[in-house]
Amino acid sequence: MNGTTDPRFAGVRAAFARNFTERGERGAAVVVYRDGHRVVDLHAGTRDVDGGRDGTPWTPGTAQLLRSATKGVAAAVLLLLHQRGALDLDAPVGAYWPEFKAHGKEDVRVRDVLAHRAGVPALDRPLTPAEAADPDLGAAAVAAQAPAWAPGTDHGYHAQTYSWLTGELVRRTTGRSIGGWVADEIAGPLGADLWIGLPDEQAHRAGRVGPVEPPAAPGGLRARPKRALTEAYGDPASLTSRAFGSISPSPDENDPAYRAAELPGSNGIGTADGLARFYASLIGEVDGGTRLFTPETARLARTEASSGPDRVLVVPSRFGLGYMLHGVASPLLGPGSFGHPGRGGALGFADPESGIAFGYVTNGMQKGVTADPRAQALVAAVRSALDERASGA
């Protein structure tokens, strides 16, 4: 293991080590900020999930695919545009993107997109990876899609269509791609290693990802998902399968062409520090400097906008505007936390009450959508450190 840990957060180091010995970790990093200052910065294992030809070790600059943890970065773009007066959250999406009004979607508001209430989590005809990477084709497909429910009346996770919904709103509002906006207005000012659309000159830093099986629980048993979940993910006609399969066949996530595309719902690349630093900037100044969100915008991000049974995830979920909130489906640090996991591992979030910002990335994609056991072990260790300080231990 490499990196540094504030003595008060020594438990995070221990939990990170156990992820490798007990939870099947191959290569990973975790970074924690407290009140805008880094208190945990750890990495271990190999850059590539399979070790690569030469077993290249993970370094402080190693970046990994974030999958849906990218959604938190994309949401920040829309909220910052609102903060600057360029985007009205209560305006219809069609006010910026007239073609989107087709098939009864004229009343979908911008905030409905952020809260997964737009009603278009799936496409009748999935896009190929090449089509998905074309912002014009992706936007046209979503605009032409009839909603699965009356928009604004219920919520369901927009796993893939979130990419074209948010990306097109940014293009229509600013004339710029969402990846370019992130580079110029978020990553650049913060000095954060975060990309939506990985530049060629940074490609050497990104490790190869792949599926890994979590070790069996004591006694050789594995937890069985609930029957409803098994049926939803196993039925190709279900809304769940269709939502996650809106790009078909599944793209090769290690393909340079896929990584260079701008899919803000699924293909961001970043370091653990880049992710944690980003979230630190949403709740305060980072290293005494940049802050992105005003207190009012941070309040909007974490004010509950959707809750209850999720039509796609088939479990109760809670969303603010663009961010998952602490709950059963996505446990974070505490009731005021907001952030976003990535299917299979990655997690980033902020907790304003404690001043904590957290970033975890991995190259080993385990089964699960919102509550990876490795990330949860690290979050529990952060919580324990804070509880010990509060009790004076």
Protein backbone atom coordinates (compact mmCIF):
# COMPACT_ATOMS: atom_id res chain seq x y z
CA MET A 1 0.00 0.00 0.00
CA ASN A 2 1.20 3.51 -0.81
CA GLY A 3 0.12 6.96 0.26
CA THR A 4 -0.59 8.93 3.40
CA THR A 5 -3.23 8.96 6.11
CA ASP A 6 -3.93 11.46 8.85
CA PRO A 7 -3.56 9.50 12.11
CA ARG A 8 -7.17 10.30 12.97
CA PHE A 9 -8.26 8.31 9.91
CA ALA A 10 -6.00 5.30 10.42
CA GLY A 11 -9.04 3.05 10.29
CA VAL A 12 -9.51 3.92 6.62
CA ARG A 13 -6.03 2.56 5.87
CA ALA A 14 -6.90 -0.68 7.68
CA ALA A 15 -10.20 -1.02 5.80
CA PHE A 16 -8.47 -0.34 2.48
CA ALA A 17 -5.96 -3.11 3.20
CA ARG A 18 -8.77 -5.53 4.04
CA ASN A 19 -10.38 -4.79 0.68
CA PHE A 20 -7.37 -6.49 -0.92
CA THR A 21 -7.12 -9.41 1.51
CA GLU A 22 -10.83 -10.05 2.06
CA ARG A 23 -12.95 -8.39 -0.66
CA GLY A 24 -11.23 -9.26 -3.93
CA GLU A 25 -9.67 -5.89 -4.74
CA ARG A 26 -7.11 -5.85 -7.60
CA GLY A 27 -6.16 -2.20 -7.90
CA ALA A 28 -7.79 0.83 -6.28
CA ALA A 29 -7.38 4.23 -4.66
CA VAL A 30 -9.29 6.19 -2.01
CA VAL A 31 -8.97 9.87 -1.15
CA VAL A 32 -10.78 11.79 1.58
CA TYR A 33 -10.89 15.55 2.12
CA ARG A 34 -11.94 17.18 5.38
CA ASP A 35 -12.88 20.87 5.27
CA GLY A 36 -11.12 21.21 1.92
CA HIS A 37 -7.86 19.54 2.95
CA ARG A 38 -6.72 16.02 2.03
CA VAL A 39 -6.61 13.66 5.02
CA VAL A 40 -6.49 10.27 3.26
CA ASP A 41 -4.64 9.48 0.02
CA LEU A 42 -4.08 5.75 -0.54
CA HIS A 43 -3.52 3.49 -3.53
CA ALA A 44 -2.45 -0.11 -4.03
CA GLY A 45 -2.44 -2.99 -6.48
CA THR A 46 -1.93 -2.86 -10.22
CA ARG A 47 -3.12 -0.28 -12.73
CA ASP A 48 -4.83 -2.95 -14.86
CA VAL A 49 -7.36 -5.38 -13.45
CA ASP A 50 -5.48 -8.32 -14.97
CA GLY A 51 -2.10 -7.01 -13.84
CA GLY A 52 -1.04 -6.21 -17.39
CA ARG A 53 1.95 -7.67 -19.13
CA ASP A 54 4.41 -6.20 -16.69
CA GLY A 55 2.26 -5.85 -13.57
CA THR A 56 2.38 -2.06 -13.77
CA PRO A 57 1.67 -0.78 -10.26
CA TRP A 58 -1.00 1.75 -9.43
CA THR A 59 0.52 5.22 -9.04
CA PRO A 60 -0.92 8.46 -7.63
CA GLY A 61 -1.83 9.55 -11.17
CA THR A 62 -3.65 6.36 -12.17
CA ALA A 63 -7.14 7.07 -13.46
CA GLN A 64 -10.03 4.67 -13.92
CA LEU A 65 -13.45 4.45 -15.53
CA LEU A 66 -16.08 5.95 -13.21
CA ARG A 67 -19.16 4.53 -14.87
CA SER A 68 -22.22 6.21 -13.29
CA ALA A 69 -20.16 8.12 -10.77
CA THR A 70 -19.75 10.40 -13.81
CA LYS A 71 -23.39 11.44 -13.33
CA GLY A 72 -22.45 13.55 -10.31
CA VAL A 73 -20.00 15.55 -12.44
CA ALA A 74 -22.59 15.96 -15.22
CA ALA A 75 -25.19 17.16 -12.71
CA ALA A 76 -22.78 19.81 -11.48
CA VAL A 77 -22.59 21.28 -14.99
CA LEU A 78 -26.36 21.81 -15.14
CA LEU A 79 -26.48 23.18 -11.60
CA LEU A 80 -23.59 25.56 -12.27
CA LEU A 81 -25.33 26.80 -15.41
CA HIS A 82 -28.39 27.43 -13.26
CA GLN A 83 -26.22 29.15 -10.65
CA ARG A 84 -24.89 31.46 -13.38
CA GLY A 85 -28.37 32.25 -14.68
CA ALA A 86 -27.99 30.38 -17.97
CA LEU A 87 -30.39 27.49 -17.27
CA ASP A 88 -33.77 27.56 -15.55
CA LEU A 89 -34.43 24.34 -13.62
CA ASP A 90 -38.19 24.91 -13.81
CA ALA A 91 -38.24 25.55 -17.55
CA PRO A 92 -39.40 22.81 -19.91
CA VAL A 93 -36.56 20.92 -21.55
CA GLY A 94 -38.27 21.78 -24.83
CA ALA A 95 -37.61 25.48 -24.26
CA TYR A 96 -33.94 24.75 -24.93
CA TRP A 97 -34.38 21.67 -27.11
CA PRO A 98 -37.62 21.92 -29.13
CA GLU A 99 -37.35 18.45 -30.69
CA PHE A 100 -37.59 16.90 -27.23
CA LYS A 101 -41.26 17.87 -26.88
CA ALA A 102 -42.37 14.95 -29.11
CA HIS A 103 -44.72 12.23 -27.80
CA GLY A 104 -46.07 14.09 -24.79
CA LYS A 105 -42.78 15.27 -23.31
CA GLU A 106 -43.53 18.98 -23.63
CA ASP A 107 -43.93 19.41 -19.85
CA VAL A 108 -40.69 17.66 -18.82
CA ARG A 109 -38.70 20.19 -16.80
CA VAL A 110 -34.96 20.44 -16.47
CA ARG A 111 -35.24 19.44 -12.82
CA ASP A 112 -37.11 16.28 -13.90
CA VAL A 113 -34.05 15.24 -15.90
CA LEU A 114 -31.81 15.69 -12.85
CA ALA A 115 -34.25 13.83 -10.57
CA HIS A 116 -34.74 10.88 -12.96
CA ARG A 117 -38.40 11.82 -13.49
CA ALA A 118 -38.26 12.52 -17.25
CA GLY A 119 -39.87 9.17 -18.10
CA VAL A 120 -37.36 8.12 -20.78
CA PRO A 121 -34.94 5.71 -19.07
CA ALA A 122 -34.89 3.34 -22.07
CA LEU A 123 -34.97 3.43 -25.85
CA ASP A 124 -37.26 1.35 -28.05
CA ARG A 125 -34.25 0.75 -30.28
CA PRO A 126 -30.93 0.60 -28.44
CA LEU A 127 -27.98 2.44 -29.93
CA THR A 128 -24.80 0.70 -30.95
CA PRO A 129 -21.63 1.91 -29.20
CA ALA A 130 -20.68 3.89 -32.30
CA GLU A 131 -24.13 5.51 -32.48
CA ALA A 132 -24.10 6.25 -28.75
CA ALA A 133 -20.84 8.16 -29.13
CA ASP A 134 -22.43 10.48 -31.70
CA PRO A 135 -24.12 13.27 -29.71
CA ASP A 136 -26.49 14.10 -32.56
CA LEU A 137 -27.75 10.53 -32.88
CA GLY A 138 -28.05 10.08 -29.11
CA ALA A 139 -30.00 13.29 -28.68
CA ALA A 140 -32.30 12.47 -31.61
CA ALA A 141 -33.07 9.02 -30.18
CA VAL A 142 -34.06 10.42 -26.79
CA ALA A 143 -36.08 13.24 -28.34
CA ALA A 144 -38.06 10.74 -30.46
CA GLN A 145 -38.68 8.34 -27.56
CA ALA A 146 -42.17 8.07 -26.07
CA PRO A 147 -42.11 8.16 -22.26
CA ALA A 148 -42.52 4.99 -20.20
CA TRP A 149 -44.70 6.88 -17.69
CA ALA A 150 -46.26 10.32 -17.46
CA PRO A 151 -43.18 12.53 -17.03
CA GLY A 152 -42.84 14.13 -13.63
CA THR A 153 -45.24 11.72 -11.91
CA ASP A 154 -42.75 9.03 -10.87
CA HIS A 155 -39.04 8.25 -10.99
CA GLY A 156 -36.80 5.57 -12.43
CA TYR A 157 -33.04 5.56 -12.90
CA HIS A 158 -32.02 6.86 -16.35
CA ALA A 159 -28.92 4.68 -16.50
CA GLN A 160 -27.78 5.44 -20.06
CA THR A 161 -30.19 8.04 -21.43
CA TYR A 162 -28.92 10.47 -18.78
CA SER A 163 -25.90 10.92 -21.06
CA TRP A 164 -27.86 12.37 -23.98
CA LEU A 165 -30.33 14.27 -21.80
CA THR A 166 -27.67 16.19 -19.91
CA GLY A 167 -25.21 16.42 -22.78
CA GLU A 168 -27.76 17.93 -25.15
CA LEU A 169 -29.02 20.45 -22.59
CA VAL A 170 -25.45 21.67 -22.17
CA ARG A 171 -24.92 21.87 -25.95
CA ARG A 172 -28.17 23.78 -26.47
CA THR A 173 -27.47 26.16 -23.60
CA THR A 174 -23.78 26.87 -24.14
CA GLY A 175 -22.88 25.70 -27.64
CA ARG A 176 -20.15 23.57 -26.06
CA SER A 177 -19.86 19.87 -25.41
CA ILE A 178 -20.28 18.76 -21.82
CA GLY A 179 -16.77 17.28 -21.80
CA GLY A 180 -15.28 20.55 -22.95
CA TRP A 181 -17.29 22.44 -20.33
CA VAL A 182 -16.04 20.15 -17.57
CA ALA A 183 -12.45 20.57 -18.72
CA ASP A 184 -12.64 24.36 -18.83
CA GLU A 185 -14.95 25.19 -15.93
CA ILE A 186 -14.50 22.36 -13.39
CA ALA A 187 -11.39 20.22 -13.83
CA GLY A 188 -9.14 23.06 -14.94
CA PRO A 189 -9.87 25.54 -12.14
CA LEU A 190 -9.76 22.77 -9.54
CA GLY A 191 -6.64 21.06 -10.83
CA ALA A 192 -8.70 17.86 -10.77
CA ASP A 193 -7.97 14.79 -12.89
CA LEU A 194 -11.50 14.31 -14.25
CA TRP A 195 -12.52 13.85 -17.87
CA ILE A 196 -15.70 13.23 -19.82
CA GLY A 197 -14.05 12.26 -23.07
CA LEU A 198 -10.51 11.12 -22.28
CA PRO A 199 -7.89 13.12 -24.26
CA ASP A 200 -5.36 11.09 -26.22
CA GLU A 201 -2.48 12.59 -24.25
CA GLN A 202 -3.97 11.28 -20.99
CA ALA A 203 -4.91 7.80 -22.21
CA HIS A 204 -1.72 6.22 -20.82
CA ARG A 205 -2.87 7.02 -17.29
CA ALA A 206 -6.11 5.04 -17.45
CA GLY A 207 -6.02 1.44 -16.31
CA ARG A 208 -7.89 -1.46 -17.83
CA VAL A 209 -11.07 -2.45 -16.03
CA GLY A 210 -12.83 -5.80 -15.93
CA PRO A 211 -15.29 -7.92 -13.96
CA VAL A 212 -14.13 -9.60 -10.76
CA GLU A 213 -16.02 -11.98 -8.54
CA PRO A 214 -16.27 -10.99 -4.88
CA PRO A 215 -15.01 -13.66 -2.50
CA ALA A 216 -17.54 -15.90 -0.85
CA ALA A 217 -18.81 -14.94 2.57
CA PRO A 218 -17.74 -17.06 5.57
CA GLY A 219 -19.02 -20.60 5.13
CA GLY A 220 -18.71 -20.41 1.35
CA LEU A 221 -22.07 -18.68 0.85
CA ARG A 222 -22.85 -15.75 -1.39
CA ALA A 223 -25.66 -13.33 -0.76
CA ARG A 224 -28.59 -13.93 -3.07
CA PRO A 225 -30.34 -10.93 -4.59
CA LYS A 226 -34.06 -10.61 -3.99
CA ARG A 227 -36.26 -12.43 -6.48
CA ALA A 228 -37.69 -9.19 -7.87
CA LEU A 229 -34.20 -7.95 -8.66
CA THR A 230 -33.19 -11.21 -10.30
CA GLU A 231 -36.29 -11.21 -12.48
CA ALA A 232 -35.92 -7.54 -13.45
CA TYR A 233 -32.30 -7.87 -14.53
CA GLY A 234 -32.88 -11.29 -16.12
CA ASP A 235 -35.87 -10.34 -18.27
CA PRO A 236 -34.66 -8.64 -21.47
CA ALA A 237 -38.08 -7.03 -21.90
CA SER A 238 -38.13 -5.42 -18.45
CA LEU A 239 -37.67 -1.69 -18.07
CA THR A 240 -34.61 -2.43 -15.95
CA SER A 241 -32.85 -4.45 -18.65
CA ARG A 242 -33.89 -2.02 -21.35
CA ALA A 243 -32.60 0.98 -19.38
CA PHE A 244 -29.19 -0.55 -18.74
CA GLY A 245 -29.17 -1.92 -22.29
CA SER A 246 -29.85 1.34 -24.09
CA ILE A 247 -26.41 0.84 -25.64
CA SER A 248 -26.25 -2.58 -27.24
CA PRO A 249 -24.12 -4.57 -27.61
CA SER A 250 -22.37 -3.51 -24.43
CA PRO A 251 -19.39 -1.34 -25.30
CA ASP A 252 -15.81 -2.39 -24.70
CA GLU A 253 -15.01 -0.06 -21.81
CA ASN A 254 -11.28 -0.38 -22.47
CA ASP A 255 -11.60 0.69 -26.10
CA PRO A 256 -9.84 4.06 -26.63
CA ALA A 257 -12.70 5.16 -28.91
CA TYR A 258 -15.26 4.51 -26.17
CA ARG A 259 -13.19 6.34 -23.59
CA ALA A 260 -12.74 9.32 -25.89
CA ALA A 261 -16.51 9.64 -26.36
CA GLU A 262 -18.50 12.03 -24.16
CA LEU A 263 -21.12 9.97 -22.33
CA PRO A 264 -21.72 11.84 -19.06
CA GLY A 265 -23.93 9.10 -17.70
CA SER A 266 -21.38 6.33 -17.87
CA ASN A 267 -17.87 6.86 -19.22
CA GLY A 268 -16.07 9.53 -17.22
CA ILE A 269 -12.45 8.84 -16.30
CA GLY A 270 -10.82 10.12 -13.14
CA THR A 271 -8.48 9.61 -10.24
CA ALA A 272 -9.69 9.13 -6.68
CA ASP A 273 -8.22 12.52 -5.84
CA GLY A 274 -9.96 14.13 -8.81
CA LEU A 275 -13.32 12.74 -7.66
CA ALA A 276 -12.84 13.67 -4.00
CA ARG A 277 -11.47 17.11 -4.86
CA PHE A 278 -14.50 17.74 -7.07
CA TYR A 279 -16.90 16.91 -4.25
CA ALA A 280 -14.89 18.98 -1.76
CA SER A 281 -15.41 21.99 -4.03
CA LEU A 282 -19.19 21.55 -3.91
CA ILE A 283 -19.33 22.19 -0.16
CA GLY A 284 -16.40 24.54 0.49
CA GLU A 285 -13.08 25.91 -0.63
CA VAL A 286 -10.41 23.39 -1.63
CA ASP A 287 -6.98 24.08 -0.13
CA GLY A 288 -8.17 27.58 0.64
CA GLY A 289 -9.06 28.29 -2.98
CA THR A 290 -11.73 27.26 -5.47
CA ARG A 291 -15.34 26.58 -4.50
CA LEU A 292 -17.84 25.63 -7.21
CA PHE A 293 -21.28 25.56 -5.57
CA THR A 294 -22.77 28.38 -3.59
CA PRO A 295 -24.53 27.21 -0.39
CA GLU A 296 -27.87 27.59 -2.20
CA THR A 297 -26.78 25.39 -5.11
CA ALA A 298 -25.45 22.77 -2.69
CA ARG A 299 -28.85 22.84 -0.99
CA LEU A 300 -30.58 22.23 -4.33
CA ALA A 301 -28.26 19.29 -5.06
CA ARG A 302 -29.19 17.50 -1.85
CA THR A 303 -32.86 18.44 -1.42
CA GLU A 304 -34.95 15.34 -2.03
CA ALA A 305 -36.71 15.45 -5.39
CA SER A 306 -37.49 11.73 -5.86
CA SER A 307 -37.96 8.92 -3.37
CA GLY A 308 -39.61 5.54 -3.05
CA PRO A 309 -39.74 2.50 -5.33
CA ASP A 310 -37.54 3.07 -8.37
CA ARG A 311 -39.10 1.81 -11.62
CA VAL A 312 -35.69 0.81 -12.98
CA LEU A 313 -33.56 -0.14 -9.96
CA VAL A 314 -36.51 -2.06 -8.42
CA VAL A 315 -35.50 -0.89 -4.93
CA PRO A 316 -36.35 2.31 -3.05
CA SER A 317 -34.07 5.12 -4.16
CA ARG A 318 -33.64 8.78 -3.24
CA PHE A 319 -32.41 11.55 -5.51
CA GLY A 320 -31.75 15.23 -5.11
CA LEU A 321 -31.09 17.22 -8.27
CA GLY A 322 -28.61 14.96 -10.03
CA TYR A 323 -27.31 13.21 -6.92
CA MET A 324 -28.21 10.09 -5.02
CA LEU A 325 -28.98 10.78 -1.39
CA HIS A 326 -28.14 8.68 1.65
CA GLY A 327 -30.52 5.75 1.95
CA VAL A 328 -30.94 1.99 1.84
CA ALA A 329 -30.10 1.71 -1.87
CA SER A 330 -27.05 3.97 -1.67
CA PRO A 331 -25.65 4.32 1.86
CA LEU A 332 -23.38 7.33 2.16
CA LEU A 333 -21.91 8.96 5.26
CA GLY A 334 -25.06 10.39 6.78
CA PRO A 335 -28.50 11.93 6.17
CA GLY A 336 -27.09 15.09 4.56
CA SER A 337 -24.69 13.33 2.16
CA PHE A 338 -25.09 13.58 -1.60
CA GLY A 339 -23.08 11.94 -4.36
CA HIS A 340 -23.15 9.13 -6.89
CA PRO A 341 -21.88 5.55 -7.15
CA GLY A 342 -20.71 3.85 -10.30
CA ARG A 343 -22.01 0.39 -11.10
CA GLY A 344 -19.42 -2.13 -10.02
CA GLY A 345 -17.37 0.00 -7.64
CA ALA A 346 -16.61 3.73 -7.89
CA LEU A 347 -18.11 6.18 -5.41
CA GLY A 348 -17.90 9.92 -4.85
CA PHE A 349 -19.86 12.05 -2.40
CA ALA A 350 -19.82 15.06 -0.10
CA ASP A 351 -21.19 15.44 3.42
CA PRO A 352 -21.64 19.12 4.34
CA GLU A 353 -22.26 18.49 8.04
CA SER A 354 -18.88 16.82 8.60
CA GLY A 355 -16.99 18.61 5.82
CA ILE A 356 -16.05 15.24 4.29
CA ALA A 357 -15.56 14.67 0.57
CA PHE A 358 -14.84 11.12 -0.60
CA GLY A 359 -13.53 9.53 -3.78
CA TYR A 360 -12.95 5.83 -4.46
CA VAL A 361 -12.03 4.25 -7.81
CA THR A 362 -11.21 0.66 -8.74
CA ASN A 363 -10.34 -1.42 -11.79
CA GLY A 364 -12.24 -4.50 -10.55
CA MET A 365 -15.94 -4.27 -11.39
CA GLN A 366 -17.96 -6.38 -8.98
CA LYS A 367 -21.66 -7.12 -9.32
CA GLY A 368 -23.91 -4.51 -7.81
CA VAL A 369 -25.18 -1.08 -8.78
CA THR A 370 -25.26 1.26 -5.80
CA ALA A 371 -23.64 -0.23 -2.68
CA ASP A 372 -20.30 -1.89 -3.42
CA PRO A 373 -18.98 -3.65 -0.27
CA ARG A 374 -15.43 -2.30 -0.76
CA ALA A 375 -16.60 1.31 -0.95
CA GLN A 376 -19.00 0.74 1.93
CA ALA A 377 -16.19 -0.60 4.12
CA LEU A 378 -14.21 2.57 3.49
CA VAL A 379 -17.21 4.81 4.20
CA ALA A 380 -17.83 2.93 7.45
CA ALA A 381 -14.21 3.54 8.47
CA VAL A 382 -14.57 7.27 7.80
CA ARG A 383 -17.76 7.31 9.86
CA SER A 384 -16.03 5.51 12.73
CA ALA A 385 -13.18 8.04 12.69
CA LEU A 386 -15.64 10.90 12.93
CA ASP A 387 -17.58 9.18 15.72
CA GLU A 388 -14.38 8.65 17.70
CA ARG A 389 -13.46 12.31 17.39
CA ALA A 390 -16.96 13.37 18.43
CA SER A 391 -16.82 11.18 21.53
CA GLY A 392 -13.35 12.43 22.43
CA ALA A 393 -11.84 8.94 22.16
